Amino acid sequence: MTTIRRFCCNDLLRFASVNLDHLTETFNMSFYMTYLARWPDYFQVAEGPGNRVMGYIMGKVEGQGESWHGHVTAVTIAPEYRRQQLAKKLMNLLEEISDKIDKAYFVDLFVRASNTPAIKMYEKLGYVIYRRVLRYYSGEEDGLDMRKALSRDVEKKSMIPLKRPIRPDEL
């Protein structure tokens, strides 16, 4: 049975194996601690039998006015637990918090342009490619900024794609 709960400090010592995926960005401990302290509702872990970390989602809420949005900083599932809809459950939870608690207009995330399986998954969840960010990842690979409108964005203006790619300094 899977339990989804708020991430806690002890989890930082137990989730390294989930981050071994080459597509998962790994950050330093102070980065994770900042998210844990500032946006605890947006940092959730999926835990399996034997308290095994199956995956996690880390995000935040940011912006102003109609740009007020939830942001997925990282979502990753250990390879042996993929295709069980854990990422979908974690994404739905972050969207719910963004929509109902923080009254955000949309949720966004960045994904490597080469990560076709993740892009397809996000599209199934209702995300669209809003814009391409040139050389977003390590100054080499393009990133795709994907968005999903929430209930506050009745006209879904936040999902209207930009016509041209941007550079990271334009974010």
Protein backbone atom coordinates (compact mmCIF):
# COMPACT_ATOMS: atom_id res chain seq x y z
CA MET A 1 0.00 0.00 0.00
CA THR A 2 1.21 3.49 -0.84
CA THR A 3 1.01 6.41 1.53
CA ILE A 4 1.38 9.98 0.33
CA ARG A 5 2.42 12.36 3.08
CA ARG A 6 4.29 15.58 3.66
CA PHE A 7 8.04 15.30 3.13
CA CYS A 8 10.08 15.66 6.34
CA CYS A 9 13.75 16.29 7.14
CA ASN A 10 14.49 12.59 7.70
CA ASP A 11 13.36 11.85 4.15
CA LEU A 12 16.36 13.81 2.87
CA LEU A 13 18.52 10.94 4.10
CA ARG A 14 16.35 8.30 2.43
CA PHE A 15 15.51 9.52 -1.06
CA ALA A 16 18.88 9.45 -2.85
CA SER A 17 18.04 6.25 -4.76
CA VAL A 18 14.99 7.96 -6.32
CA ASN A 19 17.25 10.72 -7.68
CA LEU A 20 19.55 8.31 -9.55
CA ASP A 21 17.54 8.76 -12.76
CA HIS A 22 19.64 10.75 -15.26
CA LEU A 23 16.65 12.98 -16.05
CA THR A 24 16.12 13.98 -12.42
CA GLU A 25 17.77 17.19 -11.27
CA THR A 26 19.55 16.74 -7.95
CA PHE A 27 20.00 19.79 -5.75
CA ASN A 28 22.07 20.53 -2.65
CA MET A 29 20.61 19.97 0.82
CA SER A 30 20.03 23.67 1.52
CA PHE A 31 17.85 23.87 -1.62
CA TYR A 32 15.63 21.02 -0.40
CA MET A 33 15.53 22.49 3.11
CA THR A 34 14.41 25.87 1.75
CA TYR A 35 11.47 24.25 -0.04
CA LEU A 36 10.63 22.21 3.03
CA ALA A 37 10.58 25.33 5.20
CA ARG A 38 8.87 27.76 2.80
CA TRP A 39 6.41 25.52 0.92
CA PRO A 40 5.83 22.42 3.07
CA ASP A 41 2.43 21.66 1.48
CA TYR A 42 4.13 21.46 -1.91
CA PHE A 43 6.71 18.88 -0.83
CA GLN A 44 5.17 15.41 -0.67
CA VAL A 45 6.56 11.89 -0.64
CA ALA A 46 5.06 8.58 -1.76
CA GLU A 47 6.06 5.86 0.64
CA GLY A 48 5.61 2.11 0.21
CA PRO A 49 5.83 -0.95 2.43
CA GLY A 50 8.79 -0.91 4.77
CA ASN A 51 8.84 2.90 4.61
CA ARG A 52 10.49 2.73 1.18
CA VAL A 53 10.56 6.07 -0.65
CA MET A 54 8.82 5.44 -3.98
CA GLY A 55 8.92 9.01 -5.27
CA TYR A 56 8.30 12.63 -4.39
CA ILE A 57 7.11 15.98 -5.66
CA MET A 58 8.59 19.33 -4.71
CA GLY A 59 7.11 22.66 -5.68
CA LYS A 60 6.16 26.15 -4.65
CA VAL A 61 3.71 28.96 -5.27
CA GLU A 62 4.97 32.21 -6.79
CA GLY A 63 4.21 35.15 -9.08
CA GLN A 64 1.89 38.16 -8.93
CA GLY A 65 -1.55 38.98 -10.30
CA GLU A 66 -2.60 36.66 -13.10
CA SER A 67 0.89 35.13 -12.99
CA TRP A 68 0.24 33.76 -9.45
CA HIS A 69 0.87 30.04 -9.94
CA GLY A 70 1.93 26.73 -8.51
CA HIS A 71 5.24 25.46 -9.81
CA VAL A 72 6.50 21.88 -9.97
CA THR A 73 10.21 22.04 -9.23
CA ALA A 74 10.72 18.27 -9.28
CA VAL A 75 8.62 15.15 -9.53
CA THR A 76 10.29 11.78 -9.75
CA ILE A 77 9.38 8.16 -9.18
CA ALA A 78 11.89 5.35 -8.56
CA PRO A 79 12.14 3.15 -11.69
CA GLU A 80 10.68 0.09 -9.96
CA TYR A 81 7.49 2.03 -9.05
CA ARG A 82 6.79 3.69 -12.39
CA ARG A 83 3.62 3.06 -14.40
CA GLN A 84 1.55 2.85 -11.21
CA GLN A 85 0.18 6.40 -11.58
CA LEU A 86 2.17 7.71 -8.60
CA ALA A 87 3.37 10.77 -10.55
CA LYS A 88 -0.25 11.48 -11.53
CA LYS A 89 -1.36 11.28 -7.87
CA LEU A 90 1.45 13.60 -6.76
CA MET A 91 0.73 16.05 -9.58
CA ASN A 92 -2.99 16.05 -8.74
CA LEU A 93 -2.16 16.82 -5.12
CA LEU A 94 0.05 19.78 -6.04
CA GLU A 95 -2.61 21.07 -8.44
CA GLU A 96 -5.28 20.77 -5.74
CA ILE A 97 -3.18 22.73 -3.24
CA SER A 98 -2.42 25.38 -5.87
CA ASP A 99 -6.08 25.66 -6.86
CA LYS A 100 -8.01 25.34 -3.62
CA ILE A 101 -5.62 26.66 -0.98
CA ASP A 102 -3.45 29.20 -2.79
CA LYS A 103 -6.01 30.22 -5.45
CA ALA A 104 -3.41 30.10 -8.21
CA TYR A 105 -4.27 30.70 -11.87
CA PHE A 106 -2.19 27.81 -13.23
CA VAL A 107 0.51 25.25 -12.50
CA ASP A 108 3.70 25.20 -14.52
CA LEU A 109 6.76 23.00 -14.81
CA PHE A 110 9.88 22.67 -16.91
CA VAL A 111 10.86 19.47 -18.67
CA ARG A 112 13.77 18.56 -20.91
CA ALA A 113 12.74 18.78 -24.58
CA SER A 114 14.19 15.28 -25.08
CA ASN A 115 12.13 13.69 -22.27
CA THR A 116 9.32 12.41 -24.49
CA PRO A 117 7.77 10.03 -21.91
CA ALA A 118 7.42 12.84 -19.35
CA ILE A 119 6.04 15.27 -21.95
CA LYS A 120 3.40 12.71 -22.99
CA MET A 121 2.48 12.09 -19.35
CA TYR A 122 2.07 15.80 -18.67
CA GLU A 123 -0.04 16.21 -21.81
CA LYS A 124 -2.31 13.39 -20.59
CA LEU A 125 -2.69 15.34 -17.35
CA GLY A 126 -3.87 18.41 -19.30
CA TYR A 127 -0.63 20.38 -19.64
CA VAL A 128 0.30 22.20 -22.84
CA ILE A 129 3.66 23.45 -24.04
CA TYR A 130 3.52 27.15 -23.26
CA ARG A 131 7.01 28.05 -24.49
CA ARG A 132 10.45 26.67 -25.29
CA VAL A 133 13.36 27.94 -23.18
CA LEU A 134 16.57 27.73 -25.18
CA ARG A 135 19.49 26.00 -23.44
CA TYR A 136 17.62 25.90 -20.12
CA TYR A 137 19.32 22.77 -18.78
CA SER A 138 23.00 23.29 -17.97
CA GLY A 139 23.23 25.78 -20.82
CA GLU A 140 22.92 22.90 -23.29
CA GLU A 141 19.48 21.35 -23.64
CA ASP A 142 16.26 23.24 -24.30
CA GLY A 143 13.51 23.09 -21.72
CA LEU A 144 9.78 23.18 -22.30
CA ASP A 145 7.65 25.32 -19.99
CA MET A 146 4.38 23.41 -19.68
CA ARG A 147 1.22 24.80 -18.10
CA LYS A 148 -2.19 23.74 -16.91
CA ALA A 149 -4.89 26.29 -16.12
CA LEU A 150 -6.69 26.05 -12.78
CA SER A 151 -10.26 27.06 -11.92
CA ARG A 152 -9.36 30.71 -11.29
CA ASP A 153 -8.22 31.07 -14.94
CA VAL A 154 -11.70 30.70 -16.40
CA GLU A 155 -10.65 31.79 -19.90
CA LYS A 156 -7.47 29.63 -19.78
CA LYS A 157 -5.34 32.62 -20.82
CA SER A 158 -2.32 31.16 -19.00
CA MET A 159 -2.19 28.30 -21.50
CA ILE A 160 -2.03 30.33 -24.72
CA PRO A 161 1.40 29.36 -26.12
CA LEU A 162 4.02 31.99 -26.86
CA LYS A 163 4.99 32.15 -30.52
CA ARG A 164 8.76 32.37 -30.07
CA PRO A 165 11.29 30.61 -27.86
CA ILE A 166 12.94 32.55 -25.04
CA ARG A 167 16.31 32.49 -23.29
CA PRO A 168 16.68 31.66 -19.57
CA ASP A 169 17.47 35.31 -18.76
CA GLU A 170 13.99 36.25 -20.03
CA LEU A 171 12.21 34.10 -17.43
